[in-house]
């Protein structure tokens, strides 16, 4: 995500794709920072389908002068067995504003 400004809030989406022949259920999630919130869960994803899930985050003022914003996230998924889907929210900070 380019041009993030410290002190501002943002929203983006991730797409989770279910490649199984049966539905899966996103039952929760977590992030490496309280500045990132995972939305749209719990959620069921039908067999061989995908769903977009919203992510909200705020770039803290303490990051002014830094070059990037990076936080990890994980979704907890059930589909016959439980497994985790991991990802990263990453962006470039615009310090000119």
N, C-alpha and C. Protein backbone atom coordinates (compact mmCIF):
# COMPACT_ATOMS: atom_id res chain seq x y z
N UNK A 1 0.86 -1.17 0.00
CA UNK A 1 0.00 0.00 0.00
C UNK A 1 0.90 1.23 0.00
N UNK A 2 0.85 2.06 -1.02
CA UNK A 2 1.73 3.22 -1.09
C UNK A 2 1.16 4.45 -0.37
N UNK A 3 2.04 5.36 -0.05
CA UNK A 3 1.67 6.69 0.43
C UNK A 3 0.83 6.72 1.70
N UNK A 4 1.24 5.98 2.71
CA UNK A 4 0.57 6.01 4.01
C UNK A 4 1.05 7.21 4.80
N UNK A 5 0.13 7.89 5.49
CA UNK A 5 0.47 9.09 6.25
C UNK A 5 0.31 8.80 7.74
N UNK A 6 1.34 9.03 8.55
CA UNK A 6 1.23 8.82 9.99
C UNK A 6 0.05 9.60 10.58
N UNK A 7 -0.69 8.94 11.46
CA UNK A 7 -1.87 9.53 12.08
C UNK A 7 -3.16 9.25 11.35
N UNK A 8 -3.09 8.67 10.16
CA UNK A 8 -4.28 8.41 9.35
C UNK A 8 -4.70 6.95 9.46
N UNK A 9 -6.00 6.71 9.25
CA UNK A 9 -6.56 5.36 9.24
C UNK A 9 -6.85 4.94 7.81
N UNK A 10 -6.76 3.63 7.56
CA UNK A 10 -6.94 3.09 6.22
C UNK A 10 -7.74 1.80 6.29
N UNK A 11 -8.30 1.42 5.14
CA UNK A 11 -8.96 0.12 5.01
C UNK A 11 -8.52 -0.49 3.70
N UNK A 12 -8.29 -1.79 3.73
CA UNK A 12 -7.96 -2.56 2.53
C UNK A 12 -8.66 -3.90 2.64
N UNK A 13 -8.54 -4.73 1.64
CA UNK A 13 -9.15 -6.06 1.69
C UNK A 13 -8.12 -7.12 1.30
N UNK A 14 -8.33 -8.30 1.82
CA UNK A 14 -7.58 -9.47 1.38
C UNK A 14 -8.61 -10.46 0.85
N UNK A 15 -8.19 -11.28 -0.08
CA UNK A 15 -9.06 -12.30 -0.64
C UNK A 15 -8.59 -13.66 -0.14
N UNK A 16 -9.49 -14.38 0.51
CA UNK A 16 -9.20 -15.75 0.92
C UNK A 16 -9.92 -16.68 -0.05
N UNK A 17 -9.18 -17.62 -0.59
CA UNK A 17 -9.72 -18.55 -1.58
C UNK A 17 -9.76 -19.95 -0.97
N UNK A 18 -10.92 -20.58 -1.07
CA UNK A 18 -11.11 -21.95 -0.61
C UNK A 18 -10.96 -22.88 -1.81
N UNK A 19 -9.91 -23.66 -1.84
CA UNK A 19 -9.67 -24.59 -2.95
C UNK A 19 -10.20 -26.00 -2.64
N UNK A 20 -10.78 -26.17 -1.47
CA UNK A 20 -11.31 -27.47 -1.08
C UNK A 20 -12.67 -27.73 -1.72
N UNK A 21 -13.09 -28.99 -1.72
CA UNK A 21 -14.39 -29.39 -2.26
C UNK A 21 -15.49 -29.27 -1.22
N UNK A 22 -15.18 -28.67 -0.08
CA UNK A 22 -16.18 -28.46 0.97
C UNK A 22 -15.99 -27.06 1.56
N UNK A 23 -17.03 -26.52 2.21
CA UNK A 23 -16.92 -25.18 2.78
C UNK A 23 -15.89 -25.13 3.91
N UNK A 24 -15.32 -23.95 4.09
CA UNK A 24 -14.47 -23.71 5.25
C UNK A 24 -15.04 -22.52 6.00
N UNK A 25 -14.66 -22.40 7.25
CA UNK A 25 -15.16 -21.31 8.08
C UNK A 25 -13.98 -20.56 8.69
N UNK A 26 -13.94 -19.25 8.47
CA UNK A 26 -12.94 -18.38 9.11
C UNK A 26 -13.53 -18.04 10.47
N UNK A 27 -12.90 -18.54 11.54
CA UNK A 27 -13.48 -18.43 12.88
C UNK A 27 -12.83 -17.35 13.75
N UNK A 28 -11.74 -16.79 13.29
CA UNK A 28 -11.08 -15.75 14.08
C UNK A 28 -9.80 -15.32 13.41
N UNK A 29 -9.04 -14.52 14.12
CA UNK A 29 -7.77 -14.06 13.58
C UNK A 29 -7.02 -13.23 14.60
N UNK A 30 -5.83 -12.84 14.23
CA UNK A 30 -5.01 -12.01 15.10
C UNK A 30 -3.99 -11.24 14.30
N UNK A 31 -3.42 -10.20 14.92
CA UNK A 31 -2.42 -9.36 14.28
C UNK A 31 -1.28 -9.10 15.24
N UNK A 32 -0.18 -8.59 14.70
CA UNK A 32 0.98 -8.30 15.53
C UNK A 32 0.89 -6.93 16.21
N UNK A 33 -0.19 -6.18 15.97
CA UNK A 33 -0.34 -4.84 16.53
C UNK A 33 -1.82 -4.53 16.73
N UNK A 34 -2.16 -3.85 17.81
CA UNK A 34 -3.55 -3.46 18.04
C UNK A 34 -4.00 -2.38 17.06
N UNK A 35 -3.08 -1.84 16.26
CA UNK A 35 -3.43 -0.83 15.26
C UNK A 35 -4.07 -1.46 14.02
N UNK A 36 -4.11 -2.80 13.94
CA UNK A 36 -4.69 -3.51 12.81
C UNK A 36 -5.89 -4.29 13.30
N UNK A 37 -7.04 -4.13 12.62
CA UNK A 37 -8.27 -4.83 12.98
C UNK A 37 -8.75 -5.66 11.80
N UNK A 38 -9.01 -6.93 12.05
CA UNK A 38 -9.54 -7.82 11.02
C UNK A 38 -11.06 -7.76 11.10
N UNK A 39 -11.71 -7.42 9.99
CA UNK A 39 -13.17 -7.31 9.92
C UNK A 39 -13.75 -8.53 9.21
N UNK A 40 -15.06 -8.61 9.17
CA UNK A 40 -15.80 -9.60 8.37
C UNK A 40 -15.70 -11.02 8.89
N UNK A 41 -15.29 -11.23 10.14
CA UNK A 41 -15.22 -12.59 10.67
C UNK A 41 -16.09 -12.71 11.92
N UNK A 42 -16.73 -13.85 12.14
CA UNK A 42 -16.60 -15.13 11.42
C UNK A 42 -17.27 -15.07 10.05
N UNK A 43 -16.86 -16.00 9.19
CA UNK A 43 -17.32 -16.01 7.81
C UNK A 43 -17.16 -17.41 7.23
N UNK A 44 -18.14 -17.84 6.45
CA UNK A 44 -18.02 -19.12 5.75
C UNK A 44 -17.68 -18.86 4.29
N UNK A 45 -16.76 -19.67 3.75
CA UNK A 45 -16.39 -19.58 2.34
C UNK A 45 -16.79 -20.91 1.69
N UNK A 46 -17.74 -20.87 0.75
CA UNK A 46 -18.19 -22.10 0.10
C UNK A 46 -17.05 -22.80 -0.64
N UNK A 47 -17.29 -24.07 -0.95
CA UNK A 47 -16.30 -24.87 -1.70
C UNK A 47 -15.91 -24.17 -2.99
N UNK A 48 -14.60 -24.16 -3.26
CA UNK A 48 -14.05 -23.61 -4.51
C UNK A 48 -14.51 -22.18 -4.78
N UNK A 49 -14.59 -21.39 -3.73
CA UNK A 49 -15.01 -19.99 -3.84
C UNK A 49 -14.02 -19.11 -3.10
N UNK A 50 -14.22 -17.82 -3.18
CA UNK A 50 -13.38 -16.89 -2.44
C UNK A 50 -14.23 -15.78 -1.84
N UNK A 51 -13.70 -15.13 -0.82
CA UNK A 51 -14.36 -14.01 -0.17
C UNK A 51 -13.33 -12.96 0.16
N UNK A 52 -13.76 -11.70 0.08
CA UNK A 52 -12.90 -10.59 0.50
C UNK A 52 -13.18 -10.28 1.97
N UNK A 53 -12.12 -10.05 2.72
CA UNK A 53 -12.22 -9.69 4.12
C UNK A 53 -11.55 -8.34 4.32
N UNK A 54 -12.23 -7.44 5.01
CA UNK A 54 -11.70 -6.09 5.23
C UNK A 54 -10.67 -6.09 6.36
N UNK A 55 -9.67 -5.24 6.20
CA UNK A 55 -8.67 -5.00 7.22
C UNK A 55 -8.61 -3.49 7.43
N UNK A 56 -8.73 -3.05 8.68
CA UNK A 56 -8.60 -1.63 9.02
C UNK A 56 -7.32 -1.47 9.82
N UNK A 57 -6.62 -0.37 9.56
CA UNK A 57 -5.41 -0.11 10.33
C UNK A 57 -5.13 1.38 10.41
N UNK A 58 -4.38 1.75 11.44
CA UNK A 58 -3.97 3.14 11.63
C UNK A 58 -2.46 3.19 11.69
N UNK A 59 -1.88 4.12 10.93
CA UNK A 59 -0.45 4.32 10.93
C UNK A 59 -0.14 5.31 12.06
N UNK A 60 0.50 4.84 13.10
CA UNK A 60 0.76 5.66 14.27
C UNK A 60 1.73 6.81 14.02
N UNK A 61 1.55 7.89 14.78
CA UNK A 61 2.45 9.05 14.69
C UNK A 61 3.90 8.65 15.01
N UNK A 62 4.06 7.62 15.83
CA UNK A 62 5.42 7.19 16.18
C UNK A 62 6.21 6.67 14.97
N UNK A 63 5.50 6.44 13.85
CA UNK A 63 6.18 5.96 12.64
C UNK A 63 6.63 7.10 11.72
N UNK A 64 6.34 8.35 12.12
CA UNK A 64 6.80 9.49 11.31
C UNK A 64 8.32 9.41 11.19
N UNK A 65 8.82 9.56 9.99
CA UNK A 65 10.26 9.45 9.73
C UNK A 65 10.68 8.05 9.32
N UNK A 66 9.80 7.07 9.51
CA UNK A 66 10.10 5.70 9.08
C UNK A 66 9.75 5.55 7.60
N UNK A 67 10.25 4.50 6.98
CA UNK A 67 10.00 4.27 5.55
C UNK A 67 8.85 3.32 5.27
N UNK A 68 8.52 2.43 6.24
CA UNK A 68 7.48 1.46 5.96
C UNK A 68 6.64 1.13 7.18
N UNK A 69 5.44 0.64 6.89
CA UNK A 69 4.49 0.12 7.87
C UNK A 69 4.39 -1.36 7.57
N UNK A 70 4.58 -2.21 8.59
CA UNK A 70 4.52 -3.66 8.38
C UNK A 70 3.98 -4.32 9.64
N UNK A 71 2.93 -5.11 9.48
CA UNK A 71 2.37 -5.89 10.57
C UNK A 71 1.88 -7.23 10.03
N UNK A 72 2.08 -8.27 10.81
CA UNK A 72 1.65 -9.60 10.38
C UNK A 72 0.22 -9.86 10.86
N UNK A 73 -0.43 -10.77 10.15
CA UNK A 73 -1.79 -11.16 10.51
C UNK A 73 -1.96 -12.65 10.28
N UNK A 74 -2.95 -13.22 10.96
CA UNK A 74 -3.27 -14.63 10.78
C UNK A 74 -4.78 -14.80 10.89
N UNK A 75 -5.34 -15.64 10.02
CA UNK A 75 -6.74 -16.04 10.10
C UNK A 75 -6.79 -17.49 10.56
N UNK A 76 -7.72 -17.80 11.46
CA UNK A 76 -7.91 -19.16 11.95
C UNK A 76 -9.09 -19.76 11.18
N UNK A 77 -8.84 -20.88 10.51
CA UNK A 77 -9.80 -21.46 9.59
C UNK A 77 -10.10 -22.90 9.99
N UNK A 78 -11.38 -23.27 9.90
CA UNK A 78 -11.81 -24.65 10.12
C UNK A 78 -12.42 -25.18 8.84
N UNK A 79 -12.09 -26.41 8.50
CA UNK A 79 -12.65 -27.05 7.33
C UNK A 79 -12.39 -28.54 7.39
N UNK A 80 -12.89 -29.19 8.41
CA UNK A 80 -12.58 -30.59 8.66
C UNK A 80 -11.40 -30.70 9.62
N UNK A 81 -10.49 -29.77 9.50
CA UNK A 81 -9.37 -29.64 10.44
C UNK A 81 -9.12 -28.14 10.60
N UNK A 82 -8.41 -27.75 11.63
CA UNK A 82 -8.12 -26.33 11.83
C UNK A 82 -6.75 -25.99 11.25
N UNK A 83 -6.66 -24.88 10.54
CA UNK A 83 -5.38 -24.43 10.02
C UNK A 83 -5.33 -22.91 10.01
N UNK A 84 -4.14 -22.35 9.86
CA UNK A 84 -3.93 -20.91 9.88
C UNK A 84 -3.55 -20.41 8.49
N UNK A 85 -4.03 -19.22 8.17
CA UNK A 85 -3.65 -18.52 6.96
C UNK A 85 -2.92 -17.26 7.40
N UNK A 86 -1.65 -17.12 7.02
CA UNK A 86 -0.83 -16.00 7.47
C UNK A 86 -0.60 -15.00 6.34
N UNK A 87 -0.42 -13.74 6.73
CA UNK A 87 -0.15 -12.68 5.75
C UNK A 87 0.51 -11.49 6.41
N UNK A 88 0.75 -10.45 5.61
CA UNK A 88 1.40 -9.24 6.09
C UNK A 88 0.67 -8.03 5.51
N UNK A 89 0.44 -7.01 6.35
CA UNK A 89 -0.02 -5.71 5.88
C UNK A 89 1.25 -4.86 5.76
N UNK A 90 1.52 -4.38 4.57
CA UNK A 90 2.77 -3.67 4.32
C UNK A 90 2.49 -2.43 3.46
N UNK A 91 3.12 -1.33 3.81
CA UNK A 91 2.96 -0.12 3.01
C UNK A 91 4.13 0.82 3.15
N UNK A 92 4.22 1.78 2.23
CA UNK A 92 5.27 2.79 2.24
C UNK A 92 4.72 4.05 2.91
N UNK A 93 5.49 4.63 3.80
CA UNK A 93 5.06 5.82 4.53
C UNK A 93 5.51 7.07 3.76
N UNK A 94 4.56 7.99 3.57
CA UNK A 94 4.83 9.28 2.93
C UNK A 94 5.11 10.29 4.04
N UNK A 95 6.35 10.68 4.21
CA UNK A 95 6.73 11.63 5.25
C UNK A 95 6.72 13.08 4.78
N UNK A 96 6.22 13.34 3.58
CA UNK A 96 6.19 14.71 3.09
C UNK A 96 4.99 15.49 3.59
N UNK A 97 4.05 14.80 4.25
CA UNK A 97 2.84 15.50 4.74
C UNK A 97 2.87 15.62 6.23
